[in-house]
N, C-alpha and C. Protein backbone atom coordinates (compact mmCIF):
# COMPACT_ATOMS: atom_id res chain seq x y z
N MET A 1 118.09 -126.01 62.95
CA MET A 1 118.18 -127.08 61.96
C MET A 1 119.31 -126.75 60.99
N ALA A 2 120.15 -127.71 60.73
CA ALA A 2 121.26 -127.49 59.80
C ALA A 2 120.81 -127.79 58.37
N THR A 3 121.61 -127.33 57.42
CA THR A 3 121.28 -127.65 56.03
C THR A 3 121.50 -129.14 55.80
N ILE A 4 120.78 -129.69 54.86
CA ILE A 4 120.95 -131.11 54.53
C ILE A 4 121.54 -131.24 53.13
N ALA A 5 122.30 -132.30 52.92
CA ALA A 5 122.86 -132.58 51.60
C ALA A 5 121.90 -133.50 50.86
N VAL A 6 121.55 -133.12 49.65
CA VAL A 6 120.62 -133.90 48.82
C VAL A 6 121.39 -134.42 47.62
N THR A 7 121.09 -135.64 47.22
CA THR A 7 121.72 -136.24 46.04
C THR A 7 120.63 -136.57 45.02
N ASP A 8 121.06 -136.94 43.81
CA ASP A 8 120.09 -137.39 42.81
C ASP A 8 119.24 -138.53 43.38
N ALA A 9 119.89 -139.43 44.14
CA ALA A 9 119.19 -140.60 44.68
C ALA A 9 118.19 -140.24 45.78
N THR A 10 118.47 -139.17 46.55
CA THR A 10 117.59 -138.82 47.67
C THR A 10 116.66 -137.65 47.36
N PHE A 11 116.75 -137.09 46.16
CA PHE A 11 115.99 -135.90 45.80
C PHE A 11 114.48 -136.07 46.02
N GLU A 12 113.93 -137.16 45.51
CA GLU A 12 112.48 -137.36 45.62
C GLU A 12 112.05 -137.41 47.09
N GLN A 13 112.76 -138.18 47.90
CA GLN A 13 112.40 -138.32 49.31
C GLN A 13 112.65 -137.03 50.08
N ASP A 14 113.83 -136.43 49.91
CA ASP A 14 114.22 -135.26 50.71
C ASP A 14 113.56 -133.96 50.28
N VAL A 15 113.22 -133.85 49.01
CA VAL A 15 112.69 -132.58 48.50
C VAL A 15 111.23 -132.71 48.09
N LEU A 16 110.93 -133.56 47.15
CA LEU A 16 109.57 -133.65 46.62
C LEU A 16 108.56 -134.17 47.64
N ASN A 17 109.02 -135.09 48.52
CA ASN A 17 108.10 -135.67 49.51
C ASN A 17 108.30 -135.12 50.91
N ALA A 18 109.00 -134.00 51.02
CA ALA A 18 109.21 -133.39 52.33
C ALA A 18 107.88 -132.88 52.87
N GLY A 19 107.76 -132.82 54.17
CA GLY A 19 106.52 -132.39 54.79
C GLY A 19 106.35 -130.88 54.84
N LYS A 20 107.36 -130.14 54.41
CA LYS A 20 107.29 -128.68 54.40
C LYS A 20 108.08 -128.16 53.21
N PRO A 21 108.01 -126.87 52.93
CA PRO A 21 108.77 -126.33 51.79
C PRO A 21 110.27 -126.60 51.93
N VAL A 22 110.93 -126.75 50.80
CA VAL A 22 112.37 -127.00 50.77
C VAL A 22 113.04 -125.99 49.86
N LEU A 23 114.06 -125.31 50.39
CA LEU A 23 114.92 -124.45 49.58
C LEU A 23 116.10 -125.32 49.17
N LEU A 24 116.31 -125.47 47.86
CA LEU A 24 117.41 -126.31 47.36
C LEU A 24 118.42 -125.43 46.63
N ASP A 25 119.64 -125.42 47.16
CA ASP A 25 120.75 -124.65 46.62
C ASP A 25 121.60 -125.57 45.75
N PHE A 26 121.63 -125.29 44.45
CA PHE A 26 122.52 -126.01 43.53
C PHE A 26 123.86 -125.30 43.55
N TRP A 27 124.94 -126.00 43.90
CA TRP A 27 126.24 -125.39 44.10
C TRP A 27 127.36 -126.32 43.66
N ALA A 28 128.60 -125.83 43.73
CA ALA A 28 129.79 -126.65 43.47
C ALA A 28 130.95 -126.10 44.29
N GLN A 29 131.90 -126.98 44.61
CA GLN A 29 133.08 -126.60 45.41
C GLN A 29 133.86 -125.45 44.80
N TRP A 30 133.96 -125.40 43.49
CA TRP A 30 134.80 -124.43 42.80
C TRP A 30 134.12 -123.08 42.59
N CYS A 31 132.87 -122.95 43.01
CA CYS A 31 132.07 -121.75 42.74
C CYS A 31 132.22 -120.72 43.86
N GLY A 32 132.83 -119.57 43.55
CA GLY A 32 133.04 -118.51 44.53
C GLY A 32 131.74 -117.98 45.14
N PRO A 33 130.76 -117.56 44.30
CA PRO A 33 129.50 -117.07 44.86
C PRO A 33 128.78 -118.14 45.70
N CYS A 34 128.95 -119.42 45.35
CA CYS A 34 128.33 -120.49 46.14
C CYS A 34 128.92 -120.52 47.55
N LYS A 35 130.24 -120.31 47.63
CA LYS A 35 130.90 -120.29 48.94
C LYS A 35 130.45 -119.08 49.76
N MET A 36 130.13 -117.97 49.08
CA MET A 36 129.66 -116.78 49.78
C MET A 36 128.25 -116.99 50.35
N ILE A 37 127.41 -117.67 49.62
CA ILE A 37 126.01 -117.82 50.04
C ILE A 37 125.83 -118.97 51.04
N GLY A 38 126.75 -119.91 51.08
CA GLY A 38 126.65 -121.06 51.99
C GLY A 38 126.43 -120.68 53.44
N PRO A 39 127.28 -119.80 54.02
CA PRO A 39 127.08 -119.41 55.43
C PRO A 39 125.76 -118.66 55.65
N VAL A 40 125.31 -117.91 54.67
CA VAL A 40 124.04 -117.20 54.78
C VAL A 40 122.89 -118.21 54.89
N LEU A 41 122.94 -119.24 54.06
CA LEU A 41 121.90 -120.27 54.10
C LEU A 41 121.95 -121.05 55.42
N GLU A 42 123.15 -121.30 55.93
CA GLU A 42 123.29 -121.97 57.23
C GLU A 42 122.63 -121.13 58.32
N GLU A 43 122.87 -119.83 58.27
CA GLU A 43 122.30 -118.92 59.26
C GLU A 43 120.78 -118.93 59.18
N ILE A 44 120.25 -118.82 57.97
CA ILE A 44 118.79 -118.84 57.77
C ILE A 44 118.22 -120.17 58.28
N SER A 45 118.93 -121.26 58.01
CA SER A 45 118.49 -122.58 58.44
C SER A 45 118.35 -122.65 59.95
N GLY A 46 119.27 -121.99 60.67
CA GLY A 46 119.22 -121.99 62.12
C GLY A 46 118.12 -121.12 62.69
N GLU A 47 117.60 -120.22 61.88
CA GLU A 47 116.59 -119.27 62.36
C GLU A 47 115.15 -119.65 62.00
N ARG A 48 114.99 -120.54 61.05
CA ARG A 48 113.64 -120.86 60.56
C ARG A 48 113.36 -122.34 60.71
N ASP A 49 112.12 -122.65 61.07
CA ASP A 49 111.72 -124.05 61.08
C ASP A 49 110.56 -124.31 60.13
N ASP A 50 110.21 -123.28 59.34
CA ASP A 50 109.10 -123.43 58.39
C ASP A 50 109.57 -123.90 57.02
N ILE A 51 110.89 -124.03 56.84
CA ILE A 51 111.44 -124.45 55.55
C ILE A 51 112.71 -125.27 55.78
N ILE A 52 112.91 -126.27 54.96
CA ILE A 52 114.13 -127.08 55.01
C ILE A 52 115.12 -126.46 54.04
N ILE A 53 116.35 -126.24 54.49
CA ILE A 53 117.41 -125.70 53.63
C ILE A 53 118.29 -126.88 53.21
N ALA A 54 118.40 -127.08 51.90
CA ALA A 54 119.14 -128.22 51.36
C ALA A 54 120.13 -127.75 50.30
N LYS A 55 121.19 -128.54 50.10
CA LYS A 55 122.20 -128.21 49.10
C LYS A 55 122.46 -129.44 48.23
N MET A 56 122.70 -129.19 46.94
CA MET A 56 123.05 -130.28 46.04
C MET A 56 124.28 -129.89 45.23
N ASP A 57 125.33 -130.70 45.35
CA ASP A 57 126.56 -130.49 44.59
C ASP A 57 126.32 -130.94 43.14
N ILE A 58 126.35 -129.99 42.21
CA ILE A 58 126.01 -130.33 40.82
C ILE A 58 127.05 -131.21 40.14
N ASP A 59 128.30 -131.18 40.63
CA ASP A 59 129.34 -132.03 40.04
C ASP A 59 129.12 -133.50 40.39
N GLU A 60 128.62 -133.74 41.60
CA GLU A 60 128.39 -135.11 42.05
C GLU A 60 127.00 -135.61 41.68
N ASN A 61 126.10 -134.69 41.35
CA ASN A 61 124.70 -135.04 41.07
C ASN A 61 124.22 -134.28 39.83
N PRO A 62 124.57 -134.74 38.63
CA PRO A 62 124.23 -134.00 37.41
C PRO A 62 122.78 -134.15 36.95
N GLU A 63 122.11 -135.19 37.39
CA GLU A 63 120.78 -135.52 36.87
C GLU A 63 119.71 -134.49 37.27
N THR A 64 119.61 -134.19 38.54
CA THR A 64 118.57 -133.27 39.03
C THR A 64 118.74 -131.85 38.50
N PRO A 65 119.95 -131.27 38.56
CA PRO A 65 120.10 -129.92 38.00
C PRO A 65 119.68 -129.85 36.52
N MET A 66 119.98 -130.91 35.76
CA MET A 66 119.61 -130.94 34.35
C MET A 66 118.09 -130.92 34.20
N LYS A 67 117.38 -131.66 35.06
CA LYS A 67 115.92 -131.71 35.02
C LYS A 67 115.30 -130.34 35.21
N PHE A 68 115.95 -129.51 36.03
CA PHE A 68 115.39 -128.20 36.35
C PHE A 68 116.06 -127.06 35.59
N GLY A 69 116.84 -127.40 34.57
CA GLY A 69 117.42 -126.40 33.69
C GLY A 69 118.45 -125.50 34.36
N VAL A 70 119.15 -126.02 35.35
CA VAL A 70 120.17 -125.22 36.03
C VAL A 70 121.35 -125.03 35.09
N ARG A 71 121.62 -123.78 34.72
CA ARG A 71 122.70 -123.46 33.79
C ARG A 71 123.82 -122.66 34.43
N SER A 72 123.53 -122.03 35.56
CA SER A 72 124.56 -121.31 36.29
C SER A 72 124.33 -121.52 37.78
N ILE A 73 125.38 -121.36 38.55
CA ILE A 73 125.24 -121.55 39.99
C ILE A 73 125.83 -120.36 40.72
N PRO A 74 125.37 -120.07 41.92
CA PRO A 74 124.29 -120.79 42.60
C PRO A 74 122.92 -120.49 42.00
N THR A 75 122.15 -121.55 41.83
CA THR A 75 120.73 -121.44 41.50
C THR A 75 119.98 -122.02 42.69
N ILE A 76 118.98 -121.31 43.15
CA ILE A 76 118.23 -121.75 44.33
C ILE A 76 116.76 -121.87 43.94
N LEU A 77 116.19 -123.03 44.23
CA LEU A 77 114.77 -123.27 43.98
C LEU A 77 114.06 -123.53 45.29
N ILE A 78 112.82 -123.11 45.37
CA ILE A 78 111.98 -123.46 46.50
C ILE A 78 110.90 -124.40 46.00
N PHE A 79 110.79 -125.55 46.67
CA PHE A 79 109.79 -126.56 46.34
C PHE A 79 108.74 -126.58 47.43
N LYS A 80 107.48 -126.68 47.00
CA LYS A 80 106.37 -126.84 47.95
C LYS A 80 105.42 -127.87 47.36
N ASP A 81 105.07 -128.85 48.16
CA ASP A 81 104.16 -129.92 47.73
C ASP A 81 104.64 -130.58 46.44
N GLY A 82 105.95 -130.79 46.34
CA GLY A 82 106.51 -131.50 45.20
C GLY A 82 106.70 -130.67 43.94
N GLU A 83 106.41 -129.37 44.02
CA GLU A 83 106.52 -128.49 42.85
C GLU A 83 107.53 -127.37 43.10
N ALA A 84 108.30 -127.02 42.07
CA ALA A 84 109.19 -125.86 42.16
C ALA A 84 108.30 -124.62 42.04
N VAL A 85 108.33 -123.75 43.07
CA VAL A 85 107.44 -122.58 43.08
C VAL A 85 108.19 -121.26 42.95
N ALA A 86 109.53 -121.29 43.11
CA ALA A 86 110.30 -120.05 42.99
C ALA A 86 111.74 -120.38 42.66
N THR A 87 112.39 -119.48 41.91
CA THR A 87 113.79 -119.66 41.52
C THR A 87 114.51 -118.33 41.64
N THR A 88 115.74 -118.38 42.09
CA THR A 88 116.61 -117.21 42.07
C THR A 88 118.03 -117.68 41.76
N MET A 89 118.84 -116.78 41.24
CA MET A 89 120.21 -117.13 40.88
C MET A 89 121.17 -116.11 41.44
N GLY A 90 122.37 -116.57 41.74
CA GLY A 90 123.42 -115.69 42.22
C GLY A 90 123.40 -115.51 43.72
N ALA A 91 124.52 -115.03 44.26
CA ALA A 91 124.63 -114.77 45.69
C ALA A 91 123.85 -113.50 46.02
N LYS A 92 123.14 -113.56 47.12
CA LYS A 92 122.32 -112.42 47.55
C LYS A 92 122.55 -112.19 49.04
N PRO A 93 122.35 -110.96 49.51
CA PRO A 93 122.45 -110.70 50.94
C PRO A 93 121.34 -111.43 51.71
N LYS A 94 121.59 -111.66 52.99
CA LYS A 94 120.64 -112.41 53.83
C LYS A 94 119.25 -111.80 53.81
N ALA A 95 119.16 -110.49 53.95
CA ALA A 95 117.84 -109.83 54.00
C ALA A 95 117.06 -110.09 52.71
N GLN A 96 117.74 -110.02 51.59
CA GLN A 96 117.09 -110.24 50.30
C GLN A 96 116.64 -111.70 50.17
N LEU A 97 117.50 -112.63 50.59
CA LEU A 97 117.13 -114.05 50.53
C LEU A 97 115.95 -114.34 51.44
N SER A 98 115.97 -113.81 52.66
CA SER A 98 114.88 -114.04 53.61
C SER A 98 113.56 -113.52 53.06
N SER A 99 113.60 -112.34 52.47
CA SER A 99 112.40 -111.74 51.88
C SER A 99 111.88 -112.61 50.74
N TRP A 100 112.78 -113.09 49.90
CA TRP A 100 112.41 -113.97 48.78
C TRP A 100 111.77 -115.26 49.29
N ILE A 101 112.35 -115.82 50.35
CA ILE A 101 111.79 -117.05 50.94
C ILE A 101 110.37 -116.77 51.45
N ASP A 102 110.21 -115.65 52.19
CA ASP A 102 108.89 -115.29 52.72
C ASP A 102 107.86 -115.18 51.60
N GLU A 103 108.23 -114.51 50.52
CA GLU A 103 107.32 -114.35 49.38
C GLU A 103 106.97 -115.69 48.75
N ALA A 104 108.00 -116.52 48.54
CA ALA A 104 107.78 -117.81 47.87
C ALA A 104 106.94 -118.76 48.72
N VAL A 105 107.24 -118.83 49.98
CA VAL A 105 106.50 -119.74 50.85
C VAL A 105 105.08 -119.22 51.05
N GLY A 106 104.94 -117.90 51.18
CA GLY A 106 103.60 -117.31 51.31
C GLY A 106 102.78 -117.48 50.05
N ALA A 107 103.43 -117.24 48.89
CA ALA A 107 102.74 -117.36 47.61
C ALA A 107 102.36 -118.82 47.36
N ALA A 108 103.25 -119.73 47.77
CA ALA A 108 102.98 -121.15 47.57
C ALA A 108 101.82 -121.62 48.44
N ALA A 109 101.68 -120.98 49.61
CA ALA A 109 100.63 -121.40 50.54
C ALA A 109 99.27 -120.83 50.14
N ALA A 110 99.29 -119.80 49.33
CA ALA A 110 98.02 -119.13 48.96
C ALA A 110 97.20 -119.97 47.99
């Protein structure tokens, strides 16, 4: 499964009403760490079917990041059942991101 692009207009449908947990990466074209983490998220997306990996360009979609208090990027949130259940910031290695996802999805399911 490839990552999906989410906009302010599609946020509710694509993230809040998704049938499974969603990892949402808030990013921008000009952000170096965002460019570093992008391929890692693509890789994770291809390996997992228990979570949807989504990206939102904060320059094109200012409303949603503001709602969730995004002040620096990359900021990554995991949503489960319409609720933000975990947050992390900054570029991280794949192993660390995968572990964080496992914890968040497991904790959200408990």
